[in-house]
Amino acid sequence: MKKVLLSVLVAVGLSTTAAHAQGVRLGVKAGASLTSFTGKDIEDVEYKFGFHGGGVAEIGLSESFAVQPEVLFSMKGAKAEGMGDYRFNQSYIDVPVLLKFKADGLFFEVGPQVGFLVGSKFKVDDLSVDSKEAFKTVDLGYAAGLGYQAASGPMIGLRYNGGLSKIGKNDSYNGIDIEAGNVRNSAFQLYIGYMFGGK
């Protein structure tokens, strides 16, 4: 985890130095999320609605390019219906660092993301159990999206977050090893936001 944090800090630091002449804008964003689990060991799960929001920094590299680090609170998880209503309700602090291409208000963004699990509940009908210990604390992934950002500040965007690492922990019970399987996070995010400062 220390290596991941160091990499993020170095990337942001280098971008800040290179972009000094272009300036930095700060902003906020929030919106709805549609999340689920994906992977070869996943069957019969569905997407569920959630929320995400947080702070944004846009570090200009040129008129057309910028680096955009963010710190977001993100609700994730999945649901399934069968003998009952099954849900994994999870909360992450996500830190994407995206390369952003801008053209006449339109923008495209792509880059790595690291998420830190802060809570997980497994819910069956009205019964809720803490399931955080069954999942890894750090989730490595990527983000890609597009949107529109007005020069005056407002923006709207659509983004996909894909997991690269397995989110479950391997464990053992009474001497029996339990494999977590190939399970990764998947999330679509629709958001609005506002960037403060200049163009």
N, C-alpha and C. Protein backbone atom coordinates (compact mmCIF):
# COMPACT_ATOMS: atom_id res chain seq x y z
N MET A 1 0.83 -1.19 0.00
CA MET A 1 0.00 0.00 0.00
C MET A 1 0.87 1.25 0.00
N LYS A 2 2.01 1.20 0.71
CA LYS A 2 2.91 2.35 0.74
C LYS A 2 3.42 2.68 -0.64
N LYS A 3 3.73 1.63 -1.45
CA LYS A 3 4.23 1.86 -2.81
C LYS A 3 3.17 2.52 -3.66
N VAL A 4 1.90 2.11 -3.50
CA VAL A 4 0.81 2.70 -4.28
C VAL A 4 0.65 4.17 -3.93
N LEU A 5 0.62 4.48 -2.64
CA LEU A 5 0.47 5.86 -2.20
C LEU A 5 1.64 6.72 -2.68
N LEU A 6 2.86 6.18 -2.61
CA LEU A 6 4.03 6.91 -3.06
C LEU A 6 3.95 7.21 -4.55
N SER A 7 3.49 6.23 -5.34
CA SER A 7 3.35 6.42 -6.79
C SER A 7 2.36 7.53 -7.10
N VAL A 8 1.22 7.54 -6.39
CA VAL A 8 0.21 8.57 -6.61
C VAL A 8 0.77 9.95 -6.26
N LEU A 9 1.45 10.05 -5.12
CA LEU A 9 2.02 11.33 -4.69
C LEU A 9 3.08 11.83 -5.66
N VAL A 10 3.93 10.92 -6.16
CA VAL A 10 4.97 11.31 -7.13
C VAL A 10 4.33 11.81 -8.42
N ALA A 11 3.30 11.09 -8.90
CA ALA A 11 2.63 11.50 -10.14
C ALA A 11 2.00 12.88 -10.00
N VAL A 12 1.34 13.12 -8.88
CA VAL A 12 0.72 14.42 -8.65
C VAL A 12 1.79 15.51 -8.51
N GLY A 13 2.88 15.18 -7.78
CA GLY A 13 3.95 16.15 -7.58
C GLY A 13 4.63 16.56 -8.88
N LEU A 14 4.93 15.58 -9.73
CA LEU A 14 5.56 15.88 -11.01
C LEU A 14 4.64 16.68 -11.91
N SER A 15 3.36 16.34 -11.89
CA SER A 15 2.39 17.06 -12.71
C SER A 15 2.26 18.50 -12.25
N THR A 16 2.27 18.71 -10.93
CA THR A 16 2.16 20.06 -10.39
C THR A 16 3.35 20.91 -10.81
N THR A 17 4.55 20.34 -10.76
CA THR A 17 5.75 21.07 -11.16
C THR A 17 5.71 21.44 -12.63
N ALA A 18 5.34 20.45 -13.47
CA ALA A 18 5.31 20.68 -14.92
C ALA A 18 4.22 21.67 -15.32
N ALA A 19 3.16 21.75 -14.51
CA ALA A 19 2.01 22.55 -14.90
C ALA A 19 1.96 23.90 -14.21
N HIS A 20 3.04 24.31 -13.56
CA HIS A 20 3.01 25.53 -12.77
C HIS A 20 2.53 26.73 -13.57
N ALA A 21 2.97 26.82 -14.82
CA ALA A 21 2.61 27.97 -15.64
C ALA A 21 1.16 27.92 -16.09
N GLN A 22 0.56 26.76 -16.14
CA GLN A 22 -0.80 26.61 -16.63
C GLN A 22 -1.83 26.84 -15.53
N GLY A 23 -1.46 26.68 -14.29
CA GLY A 23 -2.38 26.93 -13.19
C GLY A 23 -3.12 25.69 -12.75
N VAL A 24 -3.73 25.81 -11.58
CA VAL A 24 -4.47 24.71 -10.97
C VAL A 24 -5.87 25.19 -10.63
N ARG A 25 -6.86 24.39 -10.97
CA ARG A 25 -8.25 24.67 -10.61
C ARG A 25 -8.73 23.59 -9.64
N LEU A 26 -9.53 24.00 -8.67
CA LEU A 26 -10.13 23.07 -7.74
C LEU A 26 -11.63 23.02 -7.95
N GLY A 27 -12.23 21.89 -7.61
CA GLY A 27 -13.66 21.76 -7.82
C GLY A 27 -14.28 20.68 -6.96
N VAL A 28 -15.57 20.52 -7.13
CA VAL A 28 -16.34 19.49 -6.43
C VAL A 28 -17.22 18.77 -7.43
N LYS A 29 -17.58 17.52 -7.12
CA LYS A 29 -18.45 16.75 -8.00
C LYS A 29 -19.24 15.75 -7.17
N ALA A 30 -20.40 15.36 -7.68
CA ALA A 30 -21.23 14.37 -7.00
C ALA A 30 -22.20 13.79 -8.02
N GLY A 31 -22.65 12.56 -7.76
CA GLY A 31 -23.60 11.96 -8.67
C GLY A 31 -24.01 10.56 -8.28
N ALA A 32 -24.71 9.91 -9.20
CA ALA A 32 -25.24 8.56 -8.97
C ALA A 32 -24.28 7.52 -9.52
N SER A 33 -24.25 6.35 -8.89
CA SER A 33 -23.41 5.23 -9.33
C SER A 33 -24.27 4.00 -9.56
N LEU A 34 -23.89 3.21 -10.54
CA LEU A 34 -24.51 1.91 -10.81
C LEU A 34 -23.39 0.89 -10.71
N THR A 35 -23.39 0.06 -9.65
CA THR A 35 -22.24 -0.78 -9.34
C THR A 35 -22.61 -2.25 -9.23
N SER A 36 -21.60 -3.10 -9.48
CA SER A 36 -21.78 -4.55 -9.34
C SER A 36 -20.41 -5.19 -9.19
N PHE A 37 -20.40 -6.52 -9.12
CA PHE A 37 -19.17 -7.31 -9.14
C PHE A 37 -19.04 -7.97 -10.50
N THR A 38 -17.81 -8.11 -10.97
CA THR A 38 -17.56 -8.78 -12.23
C THR A 38 -16.41 -9.76 -12.05
N GLY A 39 -16.22 -10.66 -13.02
CA GLY A 39 -15.17 -11.66 -12.94
C GLY A 39 -15.70 -13.03 -13.31
N LYS A 40 -14.78 -13.96 -13.60
CA LYS A 40 -15.19 -15.28 -14.09
C LYS A 40 -15.89 -16.12 -13.03
N ASP A 41 -15.74 -15.76 -11.75
CA ASP A 41 -16.38 -16.52 -10.68
C ASP A 41 -17.68 -15.89 -10.20
N ILE A 42 -18.19 -14.91 -10.96
CA ILE A 42 -19.42 -14.22 -10.58
C ILE A 42 -20.59 -14.70 -11.44
N GLU A 43 -21.70 -15.02 -10.78
CA GLU A 43 -22.91 -15.43 -11.49
C GLU A 43 -24.13 -14.82 -10.81
N ASP A 44 -25.12 -14.46 -11.61
CA ASP A 44 -26.43 -14.05 -11.12
C ASP A 44 -26.39 -12.85 -10.16
N VAL A 45 -25.49 -11.91 -10.39
CA VAL A 45 -25.50 -10.69 -9.61
C VAL A 45 -26.01 -9.55 -10.49
N GLU A 46 -26.55 -8.53 -9.85
CA GLU A 46 -27.13 -7.41 -10.56
C GLU A 46 -26.49 -6.10 -10.10
N TYR A 47 -26.69 -5.07 -10.92
CA TYR A 47 -26.21 -3.74 -10.54
C TYR A 47 -27.15 -3.12 -9.51
N LYS A 48 -26.56 -2.31 -8.63
CA LYS A 48 -27.36 -1.57 -7.66
C LYS A 48 -26.97 -0.10 -7.68
N PHE A 49 -27.89 0.76 -7.25
CA PHE A 49 -27.64 2.20 -7.25
C PHE A 49 -26.88 2.62 -6.00
N GLY A 50 -26.08 3.66 -6.15
CA GLY A 50 -25.35 4.24 -5.04
C GLY A 50 -25.04 5.69 -5.32
N PHE A 51 -24.11 6.25 -4.55
CA PHE A 51 -23.76 7.66 -4.62
C PHE A 51 -22.24 7.80 -4.58
N HIS A 52 -21.73 8.83 -5.19
CA HIS A 52 -20.32 9.16 -5.06
C HIS A 52 -20.17 10.68 -5.09
N GLY A 53 -19.10 11.17 -4.47
CA GLY A 53 -18.86 12.60 -4.47
C GLY A 53 -17.56 12.94 -3.79
N GLY A 54 -17.03 14.12 -4.10
CA GLY A 54 -15.78 14.53 -3.47
C GLY A 54 -15.13 15.70 -4.16
N GLY A 55 -13.81 15.83 -3.96
CA GLY A 55 -13.06 16.95 -4.47
C GLY A 55 -12.22 16.60 -5.69
N VAL A 56 -11.97 17.62 -6.52
CA VAL A 56 -11.27 17.47 -7.80
C VAL A 56 -10.21 18.57 -7.92
N ALA A 57 -9.07 18.24 -8.48
CA ALA A 57 -8.07 19.24 -8.86
C ALA A 57 -7.72 19.05 -10.33
N GLU A 58 -7.69 20.13 -11.08
CA GLU A 58 -7.29 20.07 -12.49
C GLU A 58 -5.97 20.82 -12.64
N ILE A 59 -4.92 20.08 -13.01
CA ILE A 59 -3.58 20.64 -13.13
C ILE A 59 -3.24 20.76 -14.61
N GLY A 60 -3.20 21.99 -15.12
CA GLY A 60 -3.03 22.20 -16.54
C GLY A 60 -1.65 21.87 -17.04
N LEU A 61 -1.57 21.09 -18.11
CA LEU A 61 -0.30 20.82 -18.79
C LEU A 61 -0.16 21.68 -20.04
N SER A 62 -1.30 21.95 -20.69
CA SER A 62 -1.35 22.80 -21.88
C SER A 62 -2.80 23.23 -22.04
N GLU A 63 -3.13 23.87 -23.16
CA GLU A 63 -4.51 24.27 -23.41
C GLU A 63 -5.43 23.06 -23.55
N SER A 64 -4.87 21.94 -24.02
CA SER A 64 -5.70 20.77 -24.31
C SER A 64 -5.57 19.63 -23.32
N PHE A 65 -4.49 19.62 -22.54
CA PHE A 65 -4.24 18.49 -21.64
C PHE A 65 -4.11 18.94 -20.19
N ALA A 66 -4.58 18.07 -19.28
CA ALA A 66 -4.46 18.33 -17.85
C ALA A 66 -4.37 17.00 -17.13
N VAL A 67 -3.85 17.04 -15.91
CA VAL A 67 -3.91 15.89 -15.02
C VAL A 67 -4.94 16.21 -13.95
N GLN A 68 -5.82 15.24 -13.69
CA GLN A 68 -6.93 15.48 -12.76
C GLN A 68 -6.93 14.44 -11.63
N PRO A 69 -6.31 14.74 -10.49
CA PRO A 69 -6.43 13.86 -9.33
C PRO A 69 -7.72 14.18 -8.58
N GLU A 70 -8.31 13.17 -7.97
CA GLU A 70 -9.55 13.34 -7.23
C GLU A 70 -9.50 12.52 -5.94
N VAL A 71 -10.31 12.92 -4.98
CA VAL A 71 -10.54 12.14 -3.77
C VAL A 71 -12.05 12.03 -3.60
N LEU A 72 -12.58 10.81 -3.72
CA LEU A 72 -14.02 10.60 -3.77
C LEU A 72 -14.48 9.57 -2.74
N PHE A 73 -15.62 9.84 -2.15
CA PHE A 73 -16.33 8.81 -1.38
C PHE A 73 -17.24 8.09 -2.36
N SER A 74 -17.12 6.77 -2.45
CA SER A 74 -17.87 6.00 -3.44
C SER A 74 -18.59 4.82 -2.81
N MET A 75 -19.88 4.75 -3.03
CA MET A 75 -20.66 3.58 -2.62
C MET A 75 -20.59 2.54 -3.73
N LYS A 76 -20.24 1.30 -3.38
CA LYS A 76 -20.12 0.23 -4.36
C LYS A 76 -20.81 -1.02 -3.83
N GLY A 77 -20.60 -2.15 -4.53
CA GLY A 77 -21.23 -3.40 -4.12
C GLY A 77 -22.09 -3.98 -5.21
N ALA A 78 -22.95 -4.92 -4.83
CA ALA A 78 -23.81 -5.61 -5.79
C ALA A 78 -25.03 -6.16 -5.07
N LYS A 79 -26.00 -6.62 -5.87
CA LYS A 79 -27.18 -7.26 -5.29
C LYS A 79 -27.55 -8.49 -6.09
N ALA A 80 -28.32 -9.37 -5.47
CA ALA A 80 -28.82 -10.57 -6.13
C ALA A 80 -30.16 -10.92 -5.51
N GLU A 81 -31.03 -11.50 -6.32
CA GLU A 81 -32.34 -11.91 -5.84
C GLU A 81 -32.52 -13.40 -6.08
N GLY A 82 -33.05 -14.08 -5.10
CA GLY A 82 -33.29 -15.52 -5.20
C GLY A 82 -34.23 -15.93 -4.10
N MET A 83 -33.70 -16.65 -3.10
CA MET A 83 -34.48 -16.99 -1.92
C MET A 83 -34.72 -15.77 -1.04
N GLY A 84 -33.96 -14.71 -1.29
CA GLY A 84 -34.11 -13.47 -0.54
C GLY A 84 -33.43 -12.35 -1.30
N ASP A 85 -33.42 -11.17 -0.69
CA ASP A 85 -32.77 -10.02 -1.29
C ASP A 85 -31.38 -9.91 -0.70
N TYR A 86 -30.35 -10.23 -1.49
CA TYR A 86 -28.96 -10.23 -1.04
C TYR A 86 -28.27 -8.96 -1.54
N ARG A 87 -27.54 -8.30 -0.66
CA ARG A 87 -26.82 -7.10 -1.05
C ARG A 87 -25.46 -7.01 -0.36
N PHE A 88 -24.46 -6.57 -1.11
CA PHE A 88 -23.20 -6.13 -0.53
C PHE A 88 -23.19 -4.61 -0.66
N ASN A 89 -23.25 -3.93 0.46
CA ASN A 89 -23.19 -2.46 0.48
C ASN A 89 -21.80 -2.06 0.98
N GLN A 90 -21.01 -1.50 0.06
CA GLN A 90 -19.62 -1.18 0.39
C GLN A 90 -19.33 0.30 0.19
N SER A 91 -18.35 0.79 0.94
CA SER A 91 -17.93 2.19 0.85
C SER A 91 -16.42 2.24 0.64
N TYR A 92 -15.99 3.04 -0.32
CA TYR A 92 -14.58 3.22 -0.64
C TYR A 92 -14.21 4.71 -0.65
N ILE A 93 -12.96 4.99 -0.35
CA ILE A 93 -12.36 6.27 -0.68
C ILE A 93 -11.52 6.02 -1.93
N ASP A 94 -11.97 6.56 -3.06
CA ASP A 94 -11.28 6.35 -4.34
C ASP A 94 -10.38 7.54 -4.67
N VAL A 95 -9.19 7.24 -5.19
CA VAL A 95 -8.24 8.27 -5.59
C VAL A 95 -7.80 8.01 -7.03
N PRO A 96 -8.57 8.51 -8.02
CA PRO A 96 -8.12 8.40 -9.40
C PRO A 96 -7.16 9.53 -9.75
N VAL A 97 -6.21 9.25 -10.65
CA VAL A 97 -5.31 10.27 -11.20
C VAL A 97 -5.41 10.12 -12.72
N LEU A 98 -6.12 11.05 -13.35
CA LEU A 98 -6.51 10.90 -14.75
C LEU A 98 -5.81 11.90 -15.66
N LEU A 99 -5.50 11.45 -16.86
CA LEU A 99 -5.06 12.34 -17.92
C LEU A 99 -6.31 12.82 -18.66
N LYS A 100 -6.45 14.13 -18.79
CA LYS A 100 -7.67 14.72 -19.35
C LYS A 100 -7.35 15.48 -20.63
N PHE A 101 -8.08 15.15 -21.71
CA PHE A 101 -7.96 15.84 -22.98
C PHE A 101 -9.20 16.70 -23.19
N LYS A 102 -9.00 18.00 -23.48
CA LYS A 102 -10.10 18.95 -23.61
C LYS A 102 -10.15 19.51 -25.03
N ALA A 103 -11.38 19.63 -25.55
CA ALA A 103 -11.57 20.18 -26.89
C ALA A 103 -12.91 20.89 -26.97
N ASP A 104 -12.90 22.24 -26.94
CA ASP A 104 -14.11 23.06 -27.06
C ASP A 104 -15.18 22.66 -26.05
N GLY A 105 -14.79 22.46 -24.82
CA GLY A 105 -15.74 22.11 -23.77
C GLY A 105 -15.88 20.63 -23.53
N LEU A 106 -15.74 19.83 -24.58
CA LEU A 106 -15.79 18.38 -24.41
C LEU A 106 -14.48 17.90 -23.77
N PHE A 107 -14.55 16.84 -22.98
CA PHE A 107 -13.33 16.27 -22.42
C PHE A 107 -13.40 14.75 -22.39
N PHE A 108 -12.25 14.14 -22.48
CA PHE A 108 -12.07 12.70 -22.35
C PHE A 108 -11.01 12.47 -21.29
N GLU A 109 -11.20 11.45 -20.46
CA GLU A 109 -10.29 11.22 -19.34
C GLU A 109 -10.03 9.73 -19.16
N VAL A 110 -8.80 9.41 -18.77
CA VAL A 110 -8.44 8.02 -18.53
C VAL A 110 -7.24 7.98 -17.59
N GLY A 111 -7.18 6.95 -16.74
CA GLY A 111 -6.04 6.82 -15.86
C GLY A 111 -6.26 5.79 -14.77
N PRO A 112 -5.25 5.60 -13.91
CA PRO A 112 -5.33 4.61 -12.84
C PRO A 112 -6.14 5.12 -11.65
N GLN A 113 -6.57 4.19 -10.83
CA GLN A 113 -7.32 4.53 -9.62
C GLN A 113 -6.98 3.55 -8.52
N VAL A 114 -6.86 4.05 -7.30
CA VAL A 114 -6.70 3.19 -6.14
C VAL A 114 -7.84 3.49 -5.18
N GLY A 115 -8.47 2.44 -4.66
CA GLY A 115 -9.57 2.60 -3.74
C GLY A 115 -9.23 1.98 -2.38
N PHE A 116 -9.70 2.62 -1.32
CA PHE A 116 -9.46 2.15 0.05
C PHE A 116 -10.81 1.82 0.69
N LEU A 117 -11.00 0.55 1.02
CA LEU A 117 -12.26 0.09 1.60
C LEU A 117 -12.42 0.64 3.02
N VAL A 118 -13.54 1.32 3.28
CA VAL A 118 -13.80 1.86 4.62
C VAL A 118 -14.99 1.18 5.30
N GLY A 119 -15.78 0.41 4.53
CA GLY A 119 -16.89 -0.28 5.14
C GLY A 119 -17.54 -1.26 4.18
N SER A 120 -18.07 -2.36 4.72
CA SER A 120 -18.76 -3.36 3.91
C SER A 120 -19.80 -4.08 4.76
N LYS A 121 -21.02 -4.10 4.27
CA LYS A 121 -22.11 -4.80 4.94
C LYS A 121 -22.74 -5.81 3.99
N PHE A 122 -22.94 -7.03 4.48
CA PHE A 122 -23.68 -8.04 3.72
C PHE A 122 -25.09 -8.09 4.29
N LYS A 123 -26.07 -7.83 3.43
CA LYS A 123 -27.45 -7.73 3.88
C LYS A 123 -28.31 -8.79 3.21
N VAL A 124 -29.05 -9.54 4.00
CA VAL A 124 -30.03 -10.51 3.50
C VAL A 124 -31.38 -10.11 4.09
N ASP A 125 -32.26 -9.63 3.24
CA ASP A 125 -33.56 -9.09 3.69
C ASP A 125 -33.32 -8.04 4.77
N ASP A 126 -33.77 -8.27 6.00
CA ASP A 126 -33.62 -7.28 7.06
C ASP A 126 -32.40 -7.53 7.95
N LEU A 127 -31.63 -8.58 7.66
CA LEU A 127 -30.45 -8.91 8.45
C LEU A 127 -29.21 -8.31 7.80
N SER A 128 -28.40 -7.59 8.59
CA SER A 128 -27.18 -6.96 8.09
C SER A 128 -25.99 -7.39 8.93
N VAL A 129 -24.91 -7.82 8.25
CA VAL A 129 -23.71 -8.31 8.92
C VAL A 129 -22.50 -7.57 8.37
N ASP A 130 -21.57 -7.20 9.27
CA ASP A 130 -20.32 -6.55 8.84
C ASP A 130 -19.47 -7.57 8.08
N SER A 131 -19.11 -7.24 6.83
CA SER A 131 -18.35 -8.17 5.99
C SER A 131 -17.00 -7.59 5.57
N LYS A 132 -16.55 -6.53 6.23
CA LYS A 132 -15.31 -5.86 5.81
C LYS A 132 -14.10 -6.79 5.86
N GLU A 133 -14.05 -7.69 6.84
CA GLU A 133 -12.89 -8.56 7.00
C GLU A 133 -12.74 -9.56 5.85
N ALA A 134 -13.79 -9.76 5.06
CA ALA A 134 -13.72 -10.70 3.95
C ALA A 134 -13.13 -10.07 2.69
N PHE A 135 -12.86 -8.74 2.73
CA PHE A 135 -12.40 -8.03 1.54
C PHE A 135 -11.06 -7.35 1.80
N LYS A 136 -10.29 -7.20 0.72
CA LYS A 136 -9.00 -6.50 0.80
C LYS A 136 -9.22 -5.01 1.04
N THR A 137 -8.27 -4.41 1.73
CA THR A 137 -8.37 -2.98 2.05
C THR A 137 -8.13 -2.10 0.83
N VAL A 138 -7.24 -2.54 -0.08
CA VAL A 138 -6.86 -1.74 -1.25
C VAL A 138 -7.38 -2.39 -2.52
N ASP A 139 -7.99 -1.58 -3.37
CA ASP A 139 -8.52 -2.03 -4.65
C ASP A 139 -7.86 -1.23 -5.77
N LEU A 140 -7.12 -1.90 -6.66
CA LEU A 140 -6.47 -1.24 -7.78
C LEU A 140 -7.36 -1.34 -9.01
N GLY A 141 -7.46 -0.24 -9.75
CA GLY A 141 -8.32 -0.24 -10.92
C GLY A 141 -7.97 0.87 -11.89
N TYR A 142 -8.93 1.18 -12.74
CA TYR A 142 -8.75 2.23 -13.75
C TYR A 142 -10.08 2.96 -13.92
N ALA A 143 -10.00 4.14 -14.53
CA ALA A 143 -11.20 4.92 -14.81
C ALA A 143 -11.08 5.52 -16.20
N ALA A 144 -12.21 5.61 -16.90
CA ALA A 144 -12.25 6.23 -18.22
C ALA A 144 -13.61 6.87 -18.39
N GLY A 145 -13.63 8.05 -19.00
CA GLY A 145 -14.92 8.71 -19.16
C GLY A 145 -14.87 9.87 -20.13
N LEU A 146 -16.00 10.54 -20.25
CA LEU A 146 -16.13 11.71 -21.10
C LEU A 146 -17.19 12.63 -20.53
N GLY A 147 -17.20 13.87 -21.01
CA GLY A 147 -18.18 14.80 -20.50
C GLY A 147 -18.04 16.16 -21.14
N TYR A 148 -18.71 17.14 -20.52
CA TYR A 148 -18.65 18.52 -21.00
C TYR A 148 -18.38 19.44 -19.82
N GLN A 149 -17.44 20.37 -20.01
CA GLN A 149 -17.08 21.32 -18.96
C GLN A 149 -17.11 22.73 -19.53
N ALA A 150 -18.00 23.57 -18.99
CA ALA A 150 -18.11 24.95 -19.45
C ALA A 150 -16.96 25.77 -18.91
N ALA A 151 -16.57 26.80 -19.64
CA ALA A 151 -15.48 27.67 -19.20
C ALA A 151 -15.83 28.37 -17.90
N SER A 152 -17.13 28.60 -17.65
CA SER A 152 -17.56 29.29 -16.45
C SER A 152 -17.55 28.41 -15.21
N GLY A 153 -17.37 27.06 -15.38
CA GLY A 153 -17.22 26.20 -14.21
C GLY A 153 -18.05 24.93 -14.15
N PRO A 154 -19.34 24.96 -14.56
CA PRO A 154 -20.15 23.73 -14.44
C PRO A 154 -19.64 22.62 -15.35
N MET A 155 -19.83 21.36 -14.92
CA MET A 155 -19.46 20.23 -15.76
C MET A 155 -20.41 19.07 -15.51
N ILE A 156 -20.49 18.19 -16.50
CA ILE A 156 -21.27 16.96 -16.39
C ILE A 156 -20.46 15.86 -17.06
N GLY A 157 -20.50 14.65 -16.50
CA GLY A 157 -19.69 13.59 -17.08
C GLY A 157 -20.22 12.21 -16.79
N LEU A 158 -19.75 11.26 -17.57
CA LEU A 158 -20.07 9.85 -17.41
C LEU A 158 -18.76 9.08 -17.40
N ARG A 159 -18.59 8.20 -16.41
CA ARG A 159 -17.33 7.50 -16.22
C ARG A 159 -17.57 6.03 -15.89
N TYR A 160 -16.61 5.20 -16.33
CA TYR A 160 -16.61 3.79 -15.92
C TYR A 160 -15.38 3.51 -15.07
N ASN A 161 -15.58 2.84 -13.93
CA ASN A 161 -14.48 2.38 -13.07
C ASN A 161 -14.41 0.87 -13.15
N GLY A 162 -13.27 0.34 -13.56
CA GLY A 162 -13.08 -1.11 -13.62
C GLY A 162 -12.01 -1.55 -12.65
N GLY A 163 -12.23 -2.67 -11.99
CA GLY A 163 -11.25 -3.21 -11.06
C GLY A 163 -10.21 -4.06 -11.77
N LEU A 164 -8.96 -3.93 -11.36
CA LEU A 164 -7.87 -4.75 -11.89
C LEU A 164 -7.47 -5.84 -10.90
N SER A 165 -7.72 -5.62 -9.63
CA SER A 165 -7.33 -6.58 -8.59
C SER A 165 -8.55 -7.28 -8.01
N LYS A 166 -8.35 -8.49 -7.53
CA LYS A 166 -9.42 -9.23 -6.85
C LYS A 166 -9.69 -8.57 -5.52
N ILE A 167 -10.97 -8.42 -5.18
CA ILE A 167 -11.31 -7.67 -3.97
C ILE A 167 -11.47 -8.57 -2.74
N GLY A 168 -11.67 -9.88 -2.94
CA GLY A 168 -11.86 -10.78 -1.81
C GLY A 168 -10.56 -11.31 -1.25
N LYS A 169 -10.57 -11.68 0.04
CA LYS A 169 -9.40 -12.27 0.69
C LYS A 169 -9.49 -13.79 0.67
N ASN A 170 -8.34 -14.44 0.45
CA ASN A 170 -8.25 -15.88 0.68
C ASN A 170 -8.19 -16.12 2.19
N ASP A 171 -8.87 -17.16 2.65
CA ASP A 171 -8.96 -17.40 4.09
C ASP A 171 -8.93 -18.90 4.36
N SER A 172 -8.93 -19.25 5.62
CA SER A 172 -9.01 -20.66 6.00
C SER A 172 -9.95 -20.80 7.19
N TYR A 173 -10.65 -21.94 7.24
CA TYR A 173 -11.60 -22.19 8.32
C TYR A 173 -11.49 -23.66 8.72
N ASN A 174 -11.12 -23.88 9.98
CA ASN A 174 -10.93 -25.25 10.49
C ASN A 174 -9.97 -26.06 9.62
N GLY A 175 -8.89 -25.39 9.19
CA GLY A 175 -7.87 -26.06 8.39
C GLY A 175 -8.21 -26.19 6.92
N ILE A 176 -9.34 -25.65 6.49
CA ILE A 176 -9.76 -25.72 5.09
C ILE A 176 -9.50 -24.36 4.44
N ASP A 177 -8.72 -24.36 3.35
CA ASP A 177 -8.44 -23.11 2.64
C ASP A 177 -9.65 -22.71 1.79
N ILE A 178 -9.98 -21.44 1.85
CA ILE A 178 -11.11 -20.91 1.09
C ILE A 178 -10.58 -19.88 0.11
N GLU A 179 -10.79 -20.13 -1.19
CA GLU A 179 -10.35 -19.20 -2.23
C GLU A 179 -11.41 -18.12 -2.45
N ALA A 180 -10.96 -16.87 -2.50
CA ALA A 180 -11.91 -15.76 -2.68
C ALA A 180 -12.46 -15.72 -4.10
N GLY A 181 -11.72 -16.25 -5.06
CA GLY A 181 -12.19 -16.27 -6.44
C GLY A 181 -11.88 -14.97 -7.18
N ASN A 182 -12.17 -15.00 -8.47
CA ASN A 182 -11.92 -13.84 -9.34
C ASN A 182 -13.13 -12.92 -9.31
N VAL A 183 -13.12 -11.98 -8.38
CA VAL A 183 -14.22 -11.03 -8.20
C VAL A 183 -13.62 -9.63 -8.16
N ARG A 184 -14.13 -8.76 -9.03
CA ARG A 184 -13.61 -7.40 -9.12
C ARG A 184 -14.77 -6.40 -9.14
N ASN A 185 -14.46 -5.16 -8.79
CA ASN A 185 -15.48 -4.10 -8.79
C ASN A 185 -15.76 -3.59 -10.20
N SER A 186 -16.99 -3.16 -10.41
CA SER A 186 -17.40 -2.56 -11.67
C SER A 186 -18.39 -1.44 -11.34
N ALA A 187 -18.17 -0.25 -11.90
CA ALA A 187 -19.05 0.88 -11.56
C ALA A 187 -19.18 1.86 -12.72
N PHE A 188 -20.42 2.27 -12.98
CA PHE A 188 -20.71 3.38 -13.89
C PHE A 188 -21.10 4.57 -13.03
N GLN A 189 -20.57 5.75 -13.37
CA GLN A 189 -20.83 6.94 -12.58
C GLN A 189 -21.29 8.09 -13.48
N LEU A 190 -22.43 8.67 -13.14
CA LEU A 190 -22.95 9.86 -13.82
C LEU A 190 -22.90 11.00 -12.80
N TYR A 191 -22.25 12.11 -13.15
CA TYR A 191 -22.03 13.14 -12.15
C TYR A 191 -22.15 14.54 -12.72
N ILE A 192 -22.37 15.49 -11.83
CA ILE A 192 -22.29 16.91 -12.15
C ILE A 192 -21.26 17.51 -11.19
N GLY A 193 -20.68 18.64 -11.58
CA GLY A 193 -19.69 19.25 -10.72
C GLY A 193 -19.47 20.71 -11.09
N TYR A 194 -18.54 21.30 -10.37
CA TYR A 194 -18.20 22.70 -10.63
C TYR A 194 -16.72 22.91 -10.36
N MET A 195 -16.03 23.56 -11.33
CA MET A 195 -14.63 23.89 -11.20
C MET A 195 -14.50 25.38 -10.92
N PHE A 196 -13.76 25.72 -9.87
CA PHE A 196 -13.56 27.11 -9.50
C PHE A 196 -12.28 27.64 -10.15
N GLY A 197 -12.23 28.94 -10.36
CA GLY A 197 -11.02 29.52 -10.92
C GLY A 197 -11.17 29.87 -12.37
N GLY A 198 -10.03 30.04 -13.04
CA GLY A 198 -10.00 30.51 -14.42
C GLY A 198 -10.42 29.46 -15.42
N LYS A 199 -10.09 29.72 -16.67
CA LYS A 199 -10.51 28.89 -17.81
C LYS A 199 -10.01 27.48 -17.72
